[in-house]
Amino acid sequence: MLGGPVRDRVPVYCGVYTAPDPPVCRDLTQELNERYGFTAFKLSPYRRDPYASRWGNVCAEAAGYFAEIRSISPPEWEFAFEAHARIFEPRQAIQLGNALAPYDPLWFEEPIRPEYIPAWGHLRAQLDVPLATGESLFLPQDFLALLTAGGADPYLPVDGYLELRPDRPGWGVEIDESALGTDDYVRWERVLPRRFHRIRVRSRRRRTSSAGALWGAIVAAAHSPGRCPTSPPW
């Protein structure tokens, strides 16, 4: 995306995505390390329903949780936190991210929705942790706007390549074919209703896949009034 490959090897992390009790998290991450060699993991910062509690309590509990995870994990291991765009006020995202900051998260991912790019520049300026986003952005122009706003530290594009094609009305999407052949998600014909069947697939010789890419294809392909679905069909 920024000029081609620049390295032969990259570090990877394992997504846990929940916030298991610290002893359970320790056992799980140790097993993943022993079996596969992972030393970086992604967790959720939410130990309770974030909408059913005072926000200060949500942040304090997240900080205490991360402190305990740090205390029982090898010091060289990395932990990122995925907030799943469930925060609707930037000030609350700042409060939660900075509550995690003393324990050195690898990054704080997508605390707010990605559509309003200027908010991301403000958010990053106020956070004491690396801010990550990108998997809900599907056009080169979106990433250019995010880069221009200084809105993130790690940029996380979707694994499939998606781009609207104004010269091909009704098609609109190109996606890495490997995203169609995964065992992790439901079958493609179940994901796409018939009205979205005009998807063009182009091989790019890489083994990547993403539920975000699949959903992005659905949204982009359906991008006309009255046809854009409001939630994934799985």
Protein backbone atom coordinates (compact mmCIF):
# COMPACT_ATOMS: atom_id res chain seq x y z
CA MET A 1 0.00 0.00 0.00
CA LEU A 2 2.90 2.36 0.72
CA GLY A 3 5.25 1.27 -2.03
CA GLY A 4 5.63 -2.50 -1.82
CA PRO A 5 7.19 -5.00 0.58
CA VAL A 6 9.89 -3.68 2.89
CA ARG A 7 10.70 -6.75 4.99
CA ASP A 8 10.80 -10.52 4.69
CA ARG A 9 9.45 -11.33 8.15
CA VAL A 10 6.88 -9.63 10.36
CA PRO A 11 5.82 -10.32 13.96
CA VAL A 12 2.33 -11.72 14.47
CA TYR A 13 -0.10 -11.79 17.37
CA CYS A 14 -2.88 -14.14 18.42
CA GLY A 15 -6.36 -12.73 18.88
CA VAL A 16 -8.07 -13.80 22.11
CA TYR A 17 -10.63 -10.94 21.78
CA THR A 18 -12.27 -11.52 25.17
CA ALA A 19 -11.12 -10.64 28.68
CA PRO A 20 -10.81 -14.03 30.42
CA ASP A 21 -10.05 -14.11 34.13
CA PRO A 22 -6.31 -13.59 34.66
CA PRO A 23 -5.52 -17.22 35.60
CA VAL A 24 -7.46 -18.44 32.55
CA CYS A 25 -5.73 -15.86 30.36
CA ARG A 26 -2.33 -16.93 31.71
CA ASP A 27 -3.01 -20.60 30.96
CA LEU A 28 -4.38 -19.84 27.50
CA THR A 29 -1.53 -17.57 26.44
CA GLN A 30 1.07 -19.99 27.81
CA GLU A 31 -0.51 -22.81 25.81
CA LEU A 32 -0.52 -20.68 22.66
CA ASN A 33 3.10 -19.76 23.27
CA GLU A 34 4.19 -23.34 23.79
CA ARG A 35 2.23 -24.70 20.85
CA TYR A 36 2.71 -21.96 18.27
CA GLY A 37 5.34 -19.58 19.63
CA PHE A 38 3.09 -16.53 20.07
CA THR A 39 4.44 -13.80 22.34
CA ALA A 40 1.81 -11.16 21.51
CA PHE A 41 -1.92 -11.35 22.11
CA LYS A 42 -5.02 -9.20 21.63
CA LEU A 43 -7.59 -8.95 24.42
CA SER A 44 -10.78 -7.03 25.11
CA PRO A 45 -10.65 -4.18 27.63
CA TYR A 46 -14.20 -4.84 28.79
CA ARG A 47 -14.61 -6.85 31.97
CA ARG A 48 -18.24 -5.77 32.26
CA ASP A 49 -20.98 -4.45 30.03
CA PRO A 50 -19.64 -1.00 29.11
CA TYR A 51 -23.16 0.37 28.71
CA ALA A 52 -24.47 -0.85 32.06
CA SER A 53 -21.87 0.69 34.37
CA ARG A 54 -20.41 4.05 35.27
CA TRP A 55 -17.65 4.66 32.75
CA GLY A 56 -15.08 5.35 35.43
CA ASN A 57 -15.68 1.88 36.83
CA VAL A 58 -15.23 0.32 33.38
CA CYS A 59 -11.88 2.09 33.00
CA ALA A 60 -10.68 1.29 36.51
CA GLU A 61 -11.56 -2.37 36.09
CA ALA A 62 -9.78 -2.52 32.74
CA ALA A 63 -6.66 -0.99 34.27
CA GLY A 64 -6.70 -3.39 37.23
CA TYR A 65 -7.21 -6.31 34.89
CA PHE A 66 -4.28 -5.37 32.67
CA ALA A 67 -2.07 -4.80 35.72
CA GLU A 68 -2.80 -8.33 36.90
CA ILE A 69 -2.21 -9.80 33.43
CA ARG A 70 1.16 -8.06 33.36
CA SER A 71 2.09 -9.37 36.80
CA ILE A 72 1.54 -13.03 35.87
CA SER A 73 2.90 -12.95 32.29
CA PRO A 74 6.48 -12.94 31.00
CA PRO A 75 7.67 -9.32 30.86
CA GLU A 76 8.61 -9.52 27.17
CA TRP A 77 5.11 -10.50 26.05
CA GLU A 78 2.92 -7.94 24.33
CA PHE A 79 -0.81 -7.33 24.85
CA ALA A 80 -3.00 -5.22 22.58
CA PHE A 81 -6.61 -4.27 23.33
CA GLU A 82 -9.45 -4.32 20.78
CA ALA A 83 -12.34 -2.03 21.77
CA HIS A 84 -14.55 -3.05 18.80
CA ALA A 85 -15.76 0.53 18.13
CA ARG A 86 -18.17 0.30 21.05
CA ILE A 87 -17.36 3.76 22.47
CA PHE A 88 -19.41 6.65 21.13
CA GLU A 89 -17.73 9.59 22.90
CA PRO A 90 -14.07 10.33 22.12
CA ARG A 91 -13.45 11.55 25.66
CA GLN A 92 -14.44 8.13 26.97
CA ALA A 93 -12.08 6.45 24.51
CA ILE A 94 -9.28 8.70 25.77
CA GLN A 95 -10.16 7.85 29.38
CA LEU A 96 -10.08 4.11 28.74
CA GLY A 97 -6.91 4.16 26.63
CA ASN A 98 -5.03 6.22 29.18
CA ALA A 99 -6.21 3.94 31.98
CA LEU A 100 -4.41 1.10 30.18
CA ALA A 101 -1.34 3.20 29.40
CA PRO A 102 0.69 2.61 32.60
CA TYR A 103 0.92 -1.08 31.74
CA ASP A 104 2.27 -0.52 28.22
CA PRO A 105 -0.26 -2.00 25.77
CA LEU A 106 1.02 -2.89 22.33
CA TRP A 107 -1.83 -0.77 20.96
CA PHE A 108 -5.42 0.33 21.62
CA GLU A 109 -7.54 -0.62 18.63
CA GLU A 110 -10.63 1.02 17.15
CA PRO A 111 -12.28 2.46 20.27
CA ILE A 112 -14.63 4.60 18.15
CA ARG A 113 -16.23 4.22 14.74
CA PRO A 114 -13.80 5.00 11.92
CA GLU A 115 -16.01 7.07 9.63
CA TYR A 116 -15.25 10.54 11.02
CA ILE A 117 -11.53 10.76 10.33
CA PRO A 118 -10.82 14.13 12.05
CA ALA A 119 -11.85 12.63 15.41
CA TRP A 120 -9.02 10.13 15.06
CA GLY A 121 -6.41 12.87 14.89
CA HIS A 122 -7.82 14.40 18.08
CA LEU A 123 -7.96 11.00 19.74
CA ARG A 124 -4.37 10.11 18.92
CA ALA A 125 -3.13 13.48 20.19
CA GLN A 126 -4.73 12.87 23.59
CA LEU A 127 -3.79 9.21 24.09
CA ASP A 128 -0.64 7.95 25.81
CA VAL A 129 -0.84 4.61 23.97
CA PRO A 130 -0.45 3.63 20.29
CA LEU A 131 -3.79 3.95 18.51
CA ALA A 132 -4.72 1.42 15.81
CA THR A 133 -7.44 1.31 13.19
CA GLY A 134 -7.93 0.48 9.53
CA GLU A 135 -9.81 -2.80 9.16
CA SER A 136 -13.07 -0.93 8.62
CA LEU A 137 -11.59 1.31 5.92
CA PHE A 138 -11.80 -0.08 2.40
CA LEU A 139 -10.51 2.58 -0.02
CA PRO A 140 -7.06 4.06 -0.60
CA GLN A 141 -8.64 7.49 -0.13
CA ASP A 142 -9.74 6.50 3.38
CA PHE A 143 -6.19 5.62 4.35
CA LEU A 144 -4.87 8.81 2.80
CA ALA A 145 -7.33 10.82 4.91
CA LEU A 146 -6.34 8.91 8.03
CA LEU A 147 -2.62 9.42 7.35
CA THR A 148 -3.20 13.11 6.65
CA ALA A 149 -5.08 13.51 9.94
CA GLY A 150 -2.34 11.70 11.85
CA GLY A 151 -5.08 9.44 13.14
CA ALA A 152 -3.30 6.21 14.05
CA ASP A 153 -0.01 4.53 14.86
CA PRO A 154 -0.38 0.95 13.57
CA TYR A 155 -2.47 1.06 10.40
CA LEU A 156 -4.41 -2.16 10.00
CA PRO A 157 -5.87 -2.56 6.50
CA VAL A 158 -8.26 -5.39 5.76
CA ASP A 159 -6.64 -8.50 4.38
CA GLY A 160 -8.67 -8.55 1.18
CA TYR A 161 -8.12 -5.74 -1.32
CA LEU A 162 -11.35 -3.81 -1.76
CA GLU A 163 -11.84 -0.88 -4.08
CA LEU A 164 -14.91 0.74 -5.61
CA ARG A 165 -14.79 0.71 -9.40
CA PRO A 166 -16.72 3.70 -10.79
CA ASP A 167 -15.95 2.48 -14.31
CA ARG A 168 -17.77 -0.82 -13.62
CA PRO A 169 -21.20 0.05 -12.16
CA GLY A 170 -22.80 -2.85 -10.37
CA TRP A 171 -19.55 -4.70 -9.66
CA GLY A 172 -17.65 -2.35 -7.40
CA VAL A 173 -15.53 -4.84 -5.45
CA GLU A 174 -12.36 -6.79 -5.93
CA ILE A 175 -11.41 -9.16 -3.11
CA ASP A 176 -8.59 -11.60 -2.54
CA GLU A 177 -9.92 -15.05 -3.39
CA SER A 178 -8.39 -16.55 -0.25
CA ALA A 179 -11.00 -14.67 1.78
CA LEU A 180 -13.65 -16.83 0.14
CA GLY A 181 -12.09 -20.17 1.02
CA THR A 182 -11.60 -19.96 4.76
CA ASP A 183 -12.94 -22.51 7.19
CA ASP A 184 -13.33 -19.83 9.84
CA TYR A 185 -16.46 -18.24 8.44
CA VAL A 186 -19.71 -19.35 6.90
CA ARG A 187 -19.85 -20.35 3.24
CA TRP A 188 -19.72 -17.50 0.75
CA GLU A 189 -23.14 -18.21 -0.75
CA ARG A 190 -24.62 -17.97 2.75
CA VAL A 191 -22.83 -14.68 3.44
CA LEU A 192 -23.95 -13.01 0.22
CA PRO A 193 -27.68 -12.85 -0.53
CA ARG A 194 -28.45 -13.22 -4.23
CA ARG A 195 -28.88 -9.54 -4.76
CA PHE A 196 -25.18 -9.10 -3.92
CA HIS A 197 -23.93 -11.82 -6.25
CA ARG A 198 -22.11 -9.54 -8.68
CA ILE A 199 -18.75 -9.72 -6.93
CA ARG A 200 -15.62 -10.07 -9.05
CA VAL A 201 -12.83 -12.15 -7.54
CA ARG A 202 -9.19 -11.64 -8.43
CA SER A 203 -6.38 -13.89 -7.21
CA ARG A 204 -3.46 -12.12 -5.55
CA ARG A 205 -1.39 -15.15 -4.50
CA ARG A 206 -1.51 -14.63 -0.77
CA ARG A 207 -3.00 -16.54 2.08
CA THR A 208 -4.95 -13.98 4.04
CA SER A 209 -8.56 -13.75 5.09
CA SER A 210 -10.76 -11.52 7.16
CA ALA A 211 -14.35 -11.39 8.31
CA GLY A 212 -13.96 -7.62 7.92
CA ALA A 213 -13.05 -8.14 4.27
CA LEU A 214 -16.10 -10.30 3.68
CA TRP A 215 -18.40 -7.81 5.37
CA GLY A 216 -16.73 -4.95 3.56
CA ALA A 217 -17.47 -6.67 0.27
CA ILE A 218 -21.12 -6.97 1.19
CA VAL A 219 -21.42 -3.33 2.22
CA ALA A 220 -19.52 -2.00 -0.78
CA ALA A 221 -21.41 -4.17 -3.24
CA ALA A 222 -24.71 -3.09 -1.77
CA HIS A 223 -23.83 0.58 -1.68
CA SER A 224 -27.01 1.98 -3.14
CA PRO A 225 -30.08 3.46 -1.42
CA GLY A 226 -32.17 0.85 0.33
CA ARG A 227 -29.77 -2.01 -0.35
CA CYS A 228 -27.05 -1.62 2.25
CA PRO A 229 -27.55 -4.19 5.03
CA THR A 230 -27.32 -3.02 8.61
CA SER A 231 -25.65 -6.05 10.19
CA PRO A 232 -23.67 -9.09 9.02
CA PRO A 233 -25.89 -12.03 8.09
CA TRP A 234 -23.91 -14.54 10.20
